[in-house]
Amino acid sequence: SHGISNKHMFITTVDKQRHQQVYAFGKNTFGQAGIGEQRTLTQWTELRNFWGNDDVLPFNAKVTKDFIVDIKCGQYHTLFLTENGFVWSVGSNWQGQLGL
């Protein structure tokens, strides 16, 4: 799966044991990369907290053991759809785009 905007992008990879990795790259002015801080990502950065690791996505987004099947990027926000039907959002919510 992947998601692309004119500011940031995501890709996912899956290995033979069905372990998925999610990577972000680009602008992160409003937290749209989901890394827990607002800094531009100049190299691909793995979002590891989707599977219970400690250091990424601390915005109370506790997605565990669930595959990301689709990623949609707005200019300042990102939506993640999991195979279990959950939608997780990060970034700017100026106009309610995070669904909160």
PDB file of N, CA and C in Angstrom:
ATOM      1  N   SER A   1       0.846  -1.175   0.000  1.00  0.00           N
ATOM      2  CA  SER A   1       0.000   0.000   0.000  1.00  0.00           C
ATOM      3  C   SER A   1       0.893   1.241   0.000  1.00  0.00           C
ATOM      4  N   HIS A   2       0.341   2.339  -0.437  1.00  0.00           N
ATOM      5  CA  HIS A   2       1.089   3.596  -0.422  1.00  0.00           C
ATOM      6  C   HIS A   2       0.111   4.768  -0.368  1.00  0.00           C
ATOM      7  N   GLY A   3       0.629   5.912   0.014  1.00  0.00           N
ATOM      8  CA  GLY A   3      -0.145   7.146   0.024  1.00  0.00           C
ATOM      9  C   GLY A   3       0.769   8.287  -0.367  1.00  0.00           C
ATOM     10  N   ILE A   4       0.261   9.196  -1.207  1.00  0.00           N
ATOM     11  CA  ILE A   4       1.096  10.286  -1.710  1.00  0.00           C
ATOM     12  C   ILE A   4       0.302  11.588  -1.719  1.00  0.00           C
ATOM     13  N   SER A   5       0.924  12.657  -1.222  1.00  0.00           N
ATOM     14  CA  SER A   5       0.397  14.008  -1.393  1.00  0.00           C
ATOM     15  C   SER A   5       1.519  14.842  -1.999  1.00  0.00           C
ATOM     16  N   ASN A   6       1.270  16.121  -2.192  1.00  0.00           N
ATOM     17  CA  ASN A   6       2.344  16.974  -2.714  1.00  0.00           C
ATOM     18  C   ASN A   6       3.328  17.380  -1.623  1.00  0.00           C
ATOM     19  N   LYS A   7       3.089  16.962  -0.371  1.00  0.00           N
ATOM     20  CA  LYS A   7       3.947  17.317   0.757  1.00  0.00           C
ATOM     21  C   LYS A   7       4.642  16.126   1.405  1.00  0.00           C
ATOM     22  N   HIS A   8       3.979  14.973   1.449  1.00  0.00           N
ATOM     23  CA  HIS A   8       4.531  13.808   2.141  1.00  0.00           C
ATOM     24  C   HIS A   8       4.010  12.529   1.500  1.00  0.00           C
ATOM     25  N   MET A   9       4.659  11.396   1.851  1.00  0.00           N
ATOM     26  CA  MET A   9       4.235  10.127   1.266  1.00  0.00           C
ATOM     27  C   MET A   9       4.548   8.972   2.209  1.00  0.00           C
ATOM     28  N   PHE A  10       3.872   7.856   1.971  1.00  0.00           N
ATOM     29  CA  PHE A  10       4.050   6.631   2.747  1.00  0.00           C
ATOM     30  C   PHE A  10       4.153   5.449   1.808  1.00  0.00           C
ATOM     31  N   ILE A  11       4.897   4.441   2.238  1.00  0.00           N
ATOM     32  CA  ILE A  11       4.899   3.137   1.570  1.00  0.00           C
ATOM     33  C   ILE A  11       4.853   2.064   2.652  1.00  0.00           C
ATOM     34  N   THR A  12       4.362   0.888   2.282  1.00  0.00           N
ATOM     35  CA  THR A  12       4.394  -0.253   3.190  1.00  0.00           C
ATOM     36  C   THR A  12       5.100  -1.408   2.495  1.00  0.00           C
ATOM     37  N   THR A  13       5.707  -2.259   3.297  1.00  0.00           N
ATOM     38  CA  THR A  13       6.313  -3.487   2.795  1.00  0.00           C
ATOM     39  C   THR A  13       5.828  -4.637   3.668  1.00  0.00           C
ATOM     40  N   VAL A  14       5.793  -5.840   3.100  1.00  0.00           N
ATOM     41  CA  VAL A  14       5.396  -7.038   3.836  1.00  0.00           C
ATOM     42  C   VAL A  14       6.380  -8.145   3.478  1.00  0.00           C
ATOM     43  N   ASP A  15       6.913  -8.818   4.513  1.00  0.00           N
ATOM     44  CA  ASP A  15       7.833  -9.917   4.236  1.00  0.00           C
ATOM     45  C   ASP A  15       7.073 -11.249   4.217  1.00  0.00           C
ATOM     46  N   LYS A  16       7.798 -12.339   3.993  1.00  0.00           N
ATOM     47  CA  LYS A  16       7.171 -13.661   3.857  1.00  0.00           C
ATOM     48  C   LYS A  16       6.475 -14.133   5.128  1.00  0.00           C
ATOM     49  N   GLN A  17       6.892 -13.617   6.278  1.00  0.00           N
ATOM     50  CA  GLN A  17       6.252 -13.979   7.547  1.00  0.00           C
ATOM     51  C   GLN A  17       5.071 -13.072   7.882  1.00  0.00           C
ATOM     52  N   ARG A  18       4.667 -12.254   6.931  1.00  0.00           N
ATOM     53  CA  ARG A  18       3.539 -11.334   7.081  1.00  0.00           C
ATOM     54  C   ARG A  18       3.811 -10.245   8.111  1.00  0.00           C
ATOM     55  N   HIS A  19       5.058  -9.780   8.181  1.00  0.00           N
ATOM     56  CA  HIS A  19       5.415  -8.627   8.996  1.00  0.00           C
ATOM     57  C   HIS A  19       5.396  -7.403   8.094  1.00  0.00           C
ATOM     58  N   GLN A  20       4.655  -6.405   8.488  1.00  0.00           N
ATOM     59  CA  GLN A  20       4.510  -5.206   7.667  1.00  0.00           C
ATOM     60  C   GLN A  20       5.323  -4.061   8.259  1.00  0.00           C
ATOM     61  N   GLN A  21       5.946  -3.288   7.392  1.00  0.00           N
ATOM     62  CA  GLN A  21       6.628  -2.069   7.788  1.00  0.00           C
ATOM     63  C   GLN A  21       5.953  -0.901   7.076  1.00  0.00           C
ATOM     64  N   VAL A  22       5.832   0.234   7.769  1.00  0.00           N
ATOM     65  CA  VAL A  22       5.268   1.451   7.190  1.00  0.00           C
ATOM     66  C   VAL A  22       6.338   2.526   7.273  1.00  0.00           C
ATOM     67  N   TYR A  23       6.593   3.202   6.144  1.00  0.00           N
ATOM     68  CA  TYR A  23       7.628   4.231   6.076  1.00  0.00           C
ATOM     69  C   TYR A  23       7.026   5.551   5.602  1.00  0.00           C
ATOM     70  N   ALA A  24       7.518   6.657   6.177  1.00  0.00           N
ATOM     71  CA  ALA A  24       7.066   8.004   5.809  1.00  0.00           C
ATOM     72  C   ALA A  24       8.251   8.819   5.310  1.00  0.00           C
ATOM     73  N   PHE A  25       7.943   9.821   4.453  1.00  0.00           N
ATOM     74  CA  PHE A  25       8.963  10.704   3.897  1.00  0.00           C
ATOM     75  C   PHE A  25       8.306  12.045   3.582  1.00  0.00           C
ATOM     76  N   GLY A  26       9.000  13.152   3.818  1.00  0.00           N
ATOM     77  CA  GLY A  26       8.527  14.458   3.370  1.00  0.00           C
ATOM     78  C   GLY A  26       8.168  15.418   4.493  1.00  0.00           C
ATOM     79  N   LYS A  27       7.381  16.432   4.130  1.00  0.00           N
ATOM     80  CA  LYS A  27       6.975  17.475   5.075  1.00  0.00           C
ATOM     81  C   LYS A  27       6.128  16.880   6.197  1.00  0.00           C
ATOM     82  N   ASN A  28       6.281  17.469   7.384  1.00  0.00           N
ATOM     83  CA  ASN A  28       5.561  16.995   8.548  1.00  0.00           C
ATOM     84  C   ASN A  28       5.193  18.173   9.447  1.00  0.00           C
ATOM     85  N   THR A  29       4.882  19.296   8.850  1.00  0.00           N
ATOM     86  CA  THR A  29       4.615  20.538   9.558  1.00  0.00           C
ATOM     87  C   THR A  29       3.495  20.410  10.581  1.00  0.00           C
ATOM     88  N   PHE A  30       2.503  19.584  10.311  1.00  0.00           N
ATOM     89  CA  PHE A  30       1.337  19.442  11.184  1.00  0.00           C
ATOM     90  C   PHE A  30       1.202  18.035  11.757  1.00  0.00           C
ATOM     91  N   GLY A  31       2.291  17.273  11.749  1.00  0.00           N
ATOM     92  CA  GLY A  31       2.246  15.919  12.285  1.00  0.00           C
ATOM     93  C   GLY A  31       1.681  14.894  11.332  1.00  0.00           C
ATOM     94  N   GLN A  32       1.542  15.241  10.050  1.00  0.00           N
ATOM     95  CA  GLN A  32       0.916  14.355   9.082  1.00  0.00           C
ATOM     96  C   GLN A  32       1.727  13.090   8.785  1.00  0.00           C
ATOM     97  N   ALA A  33       3.002  13.052   9.202  1.00  0.00           N
ATOM     98  CA  ALA A  33       3.797  11.833   9.025  1.00  0.00           C
ATOM     99  C   ALA A  33       3.613  10.862  10.185  1.00  0.00           C
ATOM    100  N   GLY A  34       2.986  11.303  11.266  1.00  0.00           N
ATOM    101  CA  GLY A  34       2.678  10.408  12.371  1.00  0.00           C
ATOM    102  C   GLY A  34       3.870   9.961  13.185  1.00  0.00           C
ATOM    103  N   ILE A  35       4.920  10.758  13.253  1.00  0.00           N
ATOM    104  CA  ILE A  35       6.124  10.348  13.985  1.00  0.00           C
ATOM    105  C   ILE A  35       6.210  10.942  15.382  1.00  0.00           C
ATOM    106  N   GLY A  36       5.258  11.766  15.783  1.00  0.00           N
ATOM    107  CA  GLY A  36       5.247  12.307  17.133  1.00  0.00           C
ATOM    108  C   GLY A  36       5.978  13.619  17.301  1.00  0.00           C
ATOM    109  N   GLU A  37       6.512  14.145  16.246  1.00  0.00           N
ATOM    110  CA  GLU A  37       7.157  15.459  16.282  1.00  0.00           C
ATOM    111  C   GLU A  37       6.993  16.109  14.914  1.00  0.00           C
ATOM    112  N   GLN A  38       7.153  17.414  14.893  1.00  0.00           N
ATOM    113  CA  GLN A  38       6.935  18.154  13.656  1.00  0.00           C
ATOM    114  C   GLN A  38       8.273  18.543  13.043  1.00  0.00           C
ATOM    115  N   ARG A  39       8.803  17.647  12.221  1.00  0.00           N
ATOM    116  CA  ARG A  39      10.044  17.914  11.498  1.00  0.00           C
ATOM    117  C   ARG A  39       9.963  17.253  10.134  1.00  0.00           C
ATOM    118  N   THR A  40      10.620  17.835   9.173  1.00  0.00           N
ATOM    119  CA  THR A  40      10.636  17.274   7.826  1.00  0.00           C
ATOM    120  C   THR A  40      11.470  15.997   7.818  1.00  0.00           C
ATOM    121  N   LEU A  41      10.958  14.981   7.145  1.00  0.00           N
ATOM    122  CA  LEU A  41      11.664  13.712   7.029  1.00  0.00           C
ATOM    123  C   LEU A  41      12.423  13.706   5.706  1.00  0.00           C
ATOM    124  N   THR A  42      13.733  13.804   5.773  1.00  0.00           N
ATOM    125  CA  THR A  42      14.568  13.860   4.573  1.00  0.00           C
ATOM    126  C   THR A  42      15.037  12.482   4.132  1.00  0.00           C
ATOM    127  N   GLN A  43      14.670  11.459   4.902  1.00  0.00           N
ATOM    128  CA  GLN A  43      14.918  10.074   4.504  1.00  0.00           C
ATOM    129  C   GLN A  43      13.718   9.248   4.958  1.00  0.00           C
ATOM    130  N   TRP A  44      13.539   8.064   4.348  1.00  0.00           N
ATOM    131  CA  TRP A  44      12.423   7.207   4.731  1.00  0.00           C
ATOM    132  C   TRP A  44      12.552   6.842   6.207  1.00  0.00           C
ATOM    133  N   THR A  45      11.468   7.043   6.959  1.00  0.00           N
ATOM    134  CA  THR A  45      11.452   6.805   8.398  1.00  0.00           C
ATOM    135  C   THR A  45      10.372   5.785   8.708  1.00  0.00           C
ATOM    136  N   GLU A  46      10.737   4.714   9.413  1.00  0.00           N
ATOM    137  CA  GLU A  46       9.783   3.656   9.720  1.00  0.00           C
ATOM    138  C   GLU A  46       8.867   4.057  10.873  1.00  0.00           C
ATOM    139  N   LEU A  47       7.576   3.810  10.710  1.00  0.00           N
ATOM    140  CA  LEU A  47       6.599   4.000  11.770  1.00  0.00           C
ATOM    141  C   LEU A  47       6.419   2.657  12.451  1.00  0.00           C
ATOM    142  N   ARG A  48       7.110   2.444  13.538  1.00  0.00           N
ATOM    143  CA  ARG A  48       7.132   1.127  14.153  1.00  0.00           C
ATOM    144  C   ARG A  48       6.062   0.916  15.195  1.00  0.00           C
ATOM    145  N   ASN A  49       5.436   1.937  15.705  1.00  0.00           N
ATOM    146  CA  ASN A  49       4.468   1.763  16.779  1.00  0.00           C
ATOM    147  C   ASN A  49       3.175   1.087  16.328  1.00  0.00           C
ATOM    148  N   PHE A  50       2.972   0.908  15.039  1.00  0.00           N
ATOM    149  CA  PHE A  50       1.790   0.176  14.575  1.00  0.00           C
ATOM    150  C   PHE A  50       1.755  -1.236  15.153  1.00  0.00           C
ATOM    151  N   TRP A  51       2.905  -1.778  15.528  1.00  0.00           N
ATOM    152  CA  TRP A  51       2.965  -3.147  16.030  1.00  0.00           C
ATOM    153  C   TRP A  51       3.513  -3.230  17.436  1.00  0.00           C
ATOM    154  N   GLY A  52       3.300  -2.192  18.245  1.00  0.00           N
ATOM    155  CA  GLY A  52       3.628  -2.255  19.652  1.00  0.00           C
ATOM    156  C   GLY A  52       5.024  -1.782  20.026  1.00  0.00           C
ATOM    157  N   ASN A  53       5.826  -1.316  19.084  1.00  0.00           N
ATOM    158  CA  ASN A  53       7.119  -0.758  19.450  1.00  0.00           C
ATOM    159  C   ASN A  53       6.900   0.617  20.061  1.00  0.00           C
ATOM    160  N   ASP A  54       7.921   1.180  20.678  1.00  0.00           N
ATOM    161  CA  ASP A  54       7.732   2.326  21.548  1.00  0.00           C
ATOM    162  C   ASP A  54       7.864   3.705  20.932  1.00  0.00           C
ATOM    163  N   ASP A  55       8.573   3.872  19.841  1.00  0.00           N
ATOM    164  CA  ASP A  55       9.099   5.196  19.565  1.00  0.00           C
ATOM    165  C   ASP A  55       8.402   6.000  18.483  1.00  0.00           C
ATOM    166  N   VAL A  56       7.316   5.551  17.917  1.00  0.00           N
ATOM    167  CA  VAL A  56       6.675   6.311  16.851  1.00  0.00           C
ATOM    168  C   VAL A  56       5.163   6.274  17.043  1.00  0.00           C
ATOM    169  N   LEU A  57       4.472   7.256  16.497  1.00  0.00           N
ATOM    170  CA  LEU A  57       3.014   7.382  16.574  1.00  0.00           C
ATOM    171  C   LEU A  57       2.483   7.395  18.012  1.00  0.00           C
ATOM    172  N   PRO A  58       2.924   8.345  18.831  1.00  0.00           N
ATOM    173  CA  PRO A  58       2.463   8.371  20.211  1.00  0.00           C
ATOM    174  C   PRO A  58       1.134   9.079  20.415  1.00  0.00           C
ATOM    175  N   PHE A  59       0.450   9.491  19.363  1.00  0.00           N
ATOM    176  CA  PHE A  59      -0.776  10.283  19.487  1.00  0.00           C
ATOM    177  C   PHE A  59      -1.966   9.434  19.903  1.00  0.00           C
ATOM    178  N   ASN A  60      -1.768   8.562  20.900  1.00  0.00           N
ATOM    179  CA  ASN A  60      -2.833   7.669  21.364  1.00  0.00           C
ATOM    180  C   ASN A  60      -3.352   6.759  20.266  1.00  0.00           C
ATOM    181  N   ALA A  61      -2.593   6.616  19.190  1.00  0.00           N
ATOM    182  CA  ALA A  61      -2.985   5.711  18.108  1.00  0.00           C
ATOM    183  C   ALA A  61      -2.375   4.355  18.408  1.00  0.00           C
ATOM    184  N   LYS A  62      -3.119   3.513  19.037  1.00  0.00           N
ATOM    185  CA  LYS A  62      -2.598   2.213  19.439  1.00  0.00           C
ATOM    186  C   LYS A  62      -3.078   1.152  18.460  1.00  0.00           C
ATOM    187  N   VAL A  63      -2.526   1.172  17.280  1.00  0.00           N
ATOM    188  CA  VAL A  63      -2.845   0.180  16.256  1.00  0.00           C
ATOM    189  C   VAL A  63      -1.899  -0.987  16.493  1.00  0.00           C
ATOM    190  N   THR A  64      -2.412  -2.133  16.902  1.00  0.00           N
ATOM    191  CA  THR A  64      -1.528  -3.255  17.174  1.00  0.00           C
ATOM    192  C   THR A  64      -1.951  -4.473  16.375  1.00  0.00           C
ATOM    193  N   LYS A  65      -0.977  -5.124  15.795  1.00  0.00           N
ATOM    194  CA  LYS A  65      -1.188  -6.382  15.072  1.00  0.00           C
ATOM    195  C   LYS A  65      -2.285  -6.274  14.011  1.00  0.00           C
ATOM    196  N   ASP A  66      -2.363  -5.152  13.345  1.00  0.00           N
ATOM    197  CA  ASP A  66      -3.373  -4.941  12.314  1.00  0.00           C
ATOM    198  C   ASP A  66      -2.669  -4.396  11.077  1.00  0.00           C
ATOM    199  N   PHE A  67      -2.987  -4.940   9.927  1.00  0.00           N
ATOM    200  CA  PHE A  67      -2.336  -4.517   8.691  1.00  0.00           C
ATOM    201  C   PHE A  67      -2.955  -3.241   8.134  1.00  0.00           C
ATOM    202  N   ILE A  68      -2.118  -2.363   7.645  1.00  0.00           N
ATOM    203  CA  ILE A  68      -2.567  -1.181   6.919  1.00  0.00           C
ATOM    204  C   ILE A  68      -2.832  -1.622   5.483  1.00  0.00           C
ATOM    205  N   VAL A  69      -4.058  -1.433   5.000  1.00  0.00           N
ATOM    206  CA  VAL A  69      -4.402  -1.850   3.643  1.00  0.00           C
ATOM    207  C   VAL A  69      -4.540  -0.668   2.694  1.00  0.00           C
ATOM    208  N   ASP A  70      -4.685   0.552   3.244  1.00  0.00           N
ATOM    209  CA  ASP A  70      -4.783   1.729   2.390  1.00  0.00           C
ATOM    210  C   ASP A  70      -4.323   2.950   3.180  1.00  0.00           C
ATOM    211  N   ILE A  71      -3.699   3.876   2.472  1.00  0.00           N
ATOM    212  CA  ILE A  71      -3.231   5.119   3.074  1.00  0.00           C
ATOM    213  C   ILE A  71      -3.654   6.257   2.159  1.00  0.00           C
ATOM    214  N   LYS A  72      -4.303   7.259   2.725  1.00  0.00           N
ATOM    215  CA  LYS A  72      -4.710   8.439   1.975  1.00  0.00           C
ATOM    216  C   LYS A  72      -4.062   9.660   2.602  1.00  0.00           C
ATOM    217  N   CYS A  73      -3.384  10.436   1.786  1.00  0.00           N
ATOM    218  CA  CYS A  73      -2.679  11.623   2.257  1.00  0.00           C
ATOM    219  C   CYS A  73      -3.370  12.880   1.761  1.00  0.00           C
ATOM    220  N   GLY A  74      -3.756  13.738   2.693  1.00  0.00           N
ATOM    221  CA  GLY A  74      -4.150  15.088   2.344  1.00  0.00           C
ATOM    222  C   GLY A  74      -2.907  15.959   2.438  1.00  0.00           C
ATOM    223  N   GLN A  75      -3.038  17.226   2.209  1.00  0.00           N
ATOM    224  CA  GLN A  75      -1.869  18.094   2.264  1.00  0.00           C
ATOM    225  C   GLN A  75      -1.268  18.134   3.662  1.00  0.00           C
ATOM    226  N   TYR A  76      -2.117  18.151   4.702  1.00  0.00           N
ATOM    227  CA  TYR A  76      -1.624  18.265   6.078  1.00  0.00           C
ATOM    228  C   TYR A  76      -2.161  17.180   7.010  1.00  0.00           C
ATOM    229  N   HIS A  77      -2.668  16.091   6.467  1.00  0.00           N
ATOM    230  CA  HIS A  77      -3.152  14.988   7.298  1.00  0.00           C
ATOM    231  C   HIS A  77      -3.007  13.669   6.540  1.00  0.00           C
ATOM    232  N   THR A  78      -3.124  12.570   7.283  1.00  0.00           N
ATOM    233  CA  THR A  78      -3.035  11.242   6.682  1.00  0.00           C
ATOM    234  C   THR A  78      -4.055  10.330   7.346  1.00  0.00           C
ATOM    235  N   LEU A  79      -4.691   9.477   6.542  1.00  0.00           N
ATOM    236  CA  LEU A  79      -5.641   8.480   7.036  1.00  0.00           C
ATOM    237  C   LEU A  79      -5.101   7.091   6.704  1.00  0.00           C
ATOM    238  N   PHE A  80      -5.160   6.189   7.693  1.00  0.00           N
ATOM    239  CA  PHE A  80      -4.714   4.808   7.511  1.00  0.00           C
ATOM    240  C   PHE A  80      -5.921   3.898   7.695  1.00  0.00           C
ATOM    241  N   LEU A  81      -6.189   3.009   6.729  1.00  0.00           N
ATOM    242  CA  LEU A  81      -7.259   2.022   6.834  1.00  0.00           C
ATOM    243  C   LEU A  81      -6.623   0.671   7.116  1.00  0.00           C
ATOM    244  N   THR A  82      -7.118  -0.011   8.153  1.00  0.00           N
ATOM    245  CA  THR A  82      -6.571  -1.326   8.494  1.00  0.00           C
ATOM    246  C   THR A  82      -7.464  -2.424   7.924  1.00  0.00           C
ATOM    247  N   GLU A  83      -6.903  -3.640   7.858  1.00  0.00           N
ATOM    248  CA  GLU A  83      -7.677  -4.752   7.305  1.00  0.00           C
ATOM    249  C   GLU A  83      -8.875  -5.101   8.177  1.00  0.00           C
ATOM    250  N   ASN A  84      -8.888  -4.677   9.432  1.00  0.00           N
ATOM    251  CA  ASN A  84     -10.043  -4.904  10.311  1.00  0.00           C
ATOM    252  C   ASN A  84     -11.068  -3.778  10.245  1.00  0.00           C
ATOM    253  N   GLY A  85     -10.864  -2.827   9.324  1.00  0.00           N
ATOM    254  CA  GLY A  85     -11.842  -1.773   9.109  1.00  0.00           C
ATOM    255  C   GLY A  85     -11.674  -0.528   9.954  1.00  0.00           C
ATOM    256  N   PHE A  86     -10.593  -0.444  10.718  1.00  0.00           N
ATOM    257  CA  PHE A  86     -10.345   0.748  11.521  1.00  0.00           C
ATOM    258  C   PHE A  86      -9.675   1.821  10.676  1.00  0.00           C
ATOM    259  N   VAL A  87      -9.990   3.076  10.957  1.00  0.00           N
ATOM    260  CA  VAL A  87      -9.339   4.207  10.307  1.00  0.00           C
ATOM    261  C   VAL A  87      -8.615   4.993  11.380  1.00  0.00           C
ATOM    262  N   TRP A  88      -7.309   5.216  11.172  1.00  0.00           N
ATOM    263  CA  TRP A  88      -6.480   6.008  12.068  1.00  0.00           C
ATOM    264  C   TRP A  88      -6.043   7.251  11.336  1.00  0.00           C
ATOM    265  N   SER A  89      -6.003   8.375  12.028  1.00  0.00           N
ATOM    266  CA  SER A  89      -5.674   9.638  11.372  1.00  0.00           C
ATOM    267  C   SER A  89      -4.626  10.394  12.170  1.00  0.00           C
ATOM    268  N   VAL A  90      -3.777  11.128  11.451  1.00  0.00           N
ATOM    269  CA  VAL A  90      -2.750  11.974  12.067  1.00  0.00           C
ATOM    270  C   VAL A  90      -2.657  13.270  11.281  1.00  0.00           C
ATOM    271  N   GLY A  91      -2.175  14.318  11.935  1.00  0.00           N
ATOM    272  CA  GLY A  91      -1.963  15.593  11.257  1.00  0.00           C
ATOM    273  C   GLY A  91      -2.943  16.660  11.676  1.00  0.00           C
ATOM    274  N   SER A  92      -3.155  17.613  10.797  1.00  0.00           N
ATOM    275  CA  SER A  92      -4.002  18.765  11.073  1.00  0.00           C
ATOM    276  C   SER A  92      -5.479  18.398  11.055  1.00  0.00           C
ATOM    277  N   ASN A  93      -6.228  18.957  11.992  1.00  0.00           N
ATOM    278  CA  ASN A  93      -7.673  18.752  12.052  1.00  0.00           C
ATOM    279  C   ASN A  93      -8.408  20.086  11.956  1.00  0.00           C
ATOM    280  N   TRP A  94      -7.826  21.048  11.257  1.00  0.00           N
ATOM    281  CA  TRP A  94      -8.407  22.396  11.138  1.00  0.00           C
ATOM    282  C   TRP A  94      -9.852  22.390  10.675  1.00  0.00           C
ATOM    283  N   GLN A  95     -10.186  21.503   9.743  1.00  0.00           N
ATOM    284  CA  GLN A  95     -11.536  21.472   9.199  1.00  0.00           C
ATOM    285  C   GLN A  95     -12.221  20.131   9.449  1.00  0.00           C
ATOM    286  N   GLY A  96     -11.794  19.448  10.500  1.00  0.00           N
ATOM    287  CA  GLY A  96     -12.414  18.165  10.864  1.00  0.00           C
ATOM    288  C   GLY A  96     -11.979  17.001  10.007  1.00  0.00           C
ATOM    289  N   GLN A  97     -10.912  17.149   9.246  1.00  0.00           N
ATOM    290  CA  GLN A  97     -10.509  16.104   8.319  1.00  0.00           C
ATOM    291  C   GLN A  97      -9.996  14.833   9.001  1.00  0.00           C
ATOM    292  N   LEU A  98      -9.696  14.883  10.300  1.00  0.00           N
ATOM    293  CA  LEU A  98      -9.255  13.683  11.008  1.00  0.00           C
ATOM    294  C   LEU A  98     -10.430  12.854  11.511  1.00  0.00           C
ATOM    295  N   GLY A  99     -11.631  13.385  11.380  1.00  0.00           N
ATOM    296  CA  GLY A  99     -12.812  12.646  11.829  1.00  0.00           C
ATOM    297  C   GLY A  99     -13.005  12.623  13.330  1.00  0.00           C
ATOM    298  N   LEU A 100     -12.416  13.591  14.006  1.00  0.00           N
ATOM    299  CA  LEU A 100     -12.527  13.639  15.480  1.00  0.00           C
ATOM    300  C   LEU A 100     -13.738  14.433  15.908  1.00  0.00           C
TER     301      LEU A 100
END
